Structures are given as C-alpha cells and as structure tokens.
Amino acid sequence: MSGNALVFVAAVAVAAVLLLGLVNMMKGGSPHRSQKLMRLRVMLQFGAIVLIMAVLWWRGGGPS
C-alpha cells in the first residue's frame, strides 16, 4: 500500500469518528459515548500526523 493510500485511510478514519461524534451529540446521545469518541478521534489524529510525517520522511521530503 502506498504512502498516499495510508494517509487517505487515516484521514477517512478521523473523519468517520468525527462524524459519529457529531451525530451522537445531535441526537442527544450518551455523554459517555461522546467522550469515548472524542478520545478515539484524538488518538487517530495523532496517528495520522505521525503517519504523514513518516511518509514525508520516507520520500525524502524532510529537512536537508
């Protein structure tokens, strides 16, 4: 799987969890579930940033 595809999958995962959290909040769902989704989103965002930085480094886009 190429770096672009991995970054895309990571971004879609973050967006999906964000949308799930918004839907839960709009429906007046469980605050506990909202908190879990927010924590999951933050972890996924961290992973996505690390992945993006790794892909840039691997491609030689880092500092010269």
C-alpha atoms as a PDB file:
ATOM      1  CA  MET A   1       0.000   0.000   0.000  1.00  0.00           C
ATOM      2  CA  SER A   2       1.453   3.371  -0.980  1.00  0.00           C
ATOM      3  CA  GLY A   3       2.014   6.263   1.406  1.00  0.00           C
ATOM      4  CA  ASN A   4      -0.789   8.267  -0.208  1.00  0.00           C
ATOM      5  CA  ALA A   5      -3.269   5.464   0.372  1.00  0.00           C
ATOM      6  CA  LEU A   6      -2.249   5.092   4.011  1.00  0.00           C
ATOM      7  CA  VAL A   7      -2.642   8.822   4.621  1.00  0.00           C
ATOM      8  CA  PHE A   8      -6.043   8.739   2.917  1.00  0.00           C
ATOM      9  CA  VAL A   9      -7.212   5.822   5.082  1.00  0.00           C
ATOM     10  CA  ALA A  10      -6.032   7.636   8.221  1.00  0.00           C
ATOM     11  CA  ALA A  11      -7.869  10.820   7.212  1.00  0.00           C
ATOM     12  CA  VAL A  12     -11.067   8.911   6.444  1.00  0.00           C
ATOM     13  CA  ALA A  13     -10.886   7.160   9.824  1.00  0.00           C
ATOM     14  CA  VAL A  14     -10.540  10.508  11.623  1.00  0.00           C
ATOM     15  CA  ALA A  15     -13.433  11.987   9.628  1.00  0.00           C
ATOM     16  CA  ALA A  16     -15.658   8.966  10.306  1.00  0.00           C
ATOM     17  CA  VAL A  17     -15.114   9.129  14.064  1.00  0.00           C
ATOM     18  CA  LEU A  18     -15.691  12.898  13.997  1.00  0.00           C
ATOM     19  CA  LEU A  19     -18.992  12.417  12.164  1.00  0.00           C
ATOM     20  CA  LEU A  20     -20.062   9.658  14.571  1.00  0.00           C
ATOM     21  CA  GLY A  21     -19.400  12.002  17.473  1.00  0.00           C
ATOM     22  CA  LEU A  22     -21.363  14.817  15.873  1.00  0.00           C
ATOM     23  CA  VAL A  23     -24.312  12.537  15.140  1.00  0.00           C
ATOM     24  CA  ASN A  24     -24.256  11.246  18.714  1.00  0.00           C
ATOM     25  CA  MET A  25     -24.204  14.797  20.063  1.00  0.00           C
ATOM     26  CA  MET A  26     -27.022  15.995  17.760  1.00  0.00           C
ATOM     27  CA  LYS A  27     -29.233  13.071  18.767  1.00  0.00           C
ATOM     28  CA  GLY A  28     -28.633  13.836  22.433  1.00  0.00           C
ATOM     29  CA  GLY A  29     -26.844  10.542  22.886  1.00  0.00           C
ATOM     30  CA  SER A  30     -24.821   9.353  25.808  1.00  0.00           C
ATOM     31  CA  PRO A  31     -22.174  11.800  27.025  1.00  0.00           C
ATOM     32  CA  HIS A  32     -20.004   8.793  27.909  1.00  0.00           C
ATOM     33  CA  ARG A  33     -20.091   7.640  24.283  1.00  0.00           C
ATOM     34  CA  SER A  34     -19.265  11.169  23.093  1.00  0.00           C
ATOM     35  CA  GLN A  35     -16.250  11.231  25.416  1.00  0.00           C
ATOM     36  CA  LYS A  36     -15.040   7.857  24.104  1.00  0.00           C
ATOM     37  CA  LEU A  37     -15.430   9.015  20.507  1.00  0.00           C
ATOM     38  CA  MET A  38     -13.551  12.236  21.234  1.00  0.00           C
ATOM     39  CA  ARG A  39     -10.669  10.306  22.783  1.00  0.00           C
ATOM     40  CA  LEU A  40     -10.601   7.913  19.835  1.00  0.00           C
ATOM     41  CA  ARG A  41     -10.577  10.856  17.419  1.00  0.00           C
ATOM     42  CA  VAL A  42      -7.638  12.474  19.191  1.00  0.00           C
ATOM     43  CA  MET A  43      -5.677   9.208  19.102  1.00  0.00           C
ATOM     44  CA  LEU A  44      -6.462   8.741  15.405  1.00  0.00           C
ATOM     45  CA  GLN A  45      -5.407  12.312  14.657  1.00  0.00           C
ATOM     46  CA  PHE A  46      -2.119  11.725  16.438  1.00  0.00           C
ATOM     47  CA  GLY A  47      -1.584   8.539  14.433  1.00  0.00           C
ATOM     48  CA  ALA A  48      -2.450  10.325  11.191  1.00  0.00           C
ATOM     49  CA  ILE A  49       0.059  13.101  11.892  1.00  0.00           C
ATOM     50  CA  VAL A  50       2.787  10.599  12.727  1.00  0.00           C
ATOM     51  CA  LEU A  51       1.969   8.675   9.548  1.00  0.00           C
ATOM     52  CA  ILE A  52       2.066  11.830   7.413  1.00  0.00           C
ATOM     53  CA  MET A  53       5.424  12.801   8.888  1.00  0.00           C
ATOM     54  CA  ALA A  54       6.765   9.257   8.299  1.00  0.00           C
ATOM     55  CA  VAL A  55       5.633   9.297   4.669  1.00  0.00           C
ATOM     56  CA  LEU A  56       7.260  12.695   4.114  1.00  0.00           C
ATOM     57  CA  TRP A  57      10.479  11.487   5.725  1.00  0.00           C
ATOM     58  CA  TRP A  58      10.442   8.256   3.731  1.00  0.00           C
ATOM     59  CA  ARG A  59      10.028  10.185   0.483  1.00  0.00           C
ATOM     60  CA  GLY A  60      12.928  12.432   1.364  1.00  0.00           C
ATOM     61  CA  GLY A  61      10.757  15.477   1.975  1.00  0.00           C
ATOM     62  CA  GLY A  62      12.348  16.154   5.332  1.00  0.00           C
ATOM     63  CA  PRO A  63      14.891  18.804   6.186  1.00  0.00           C
ATOM     64  CA  SER A  64      18.008  18.745   4.030  1.00  0.00           C
END
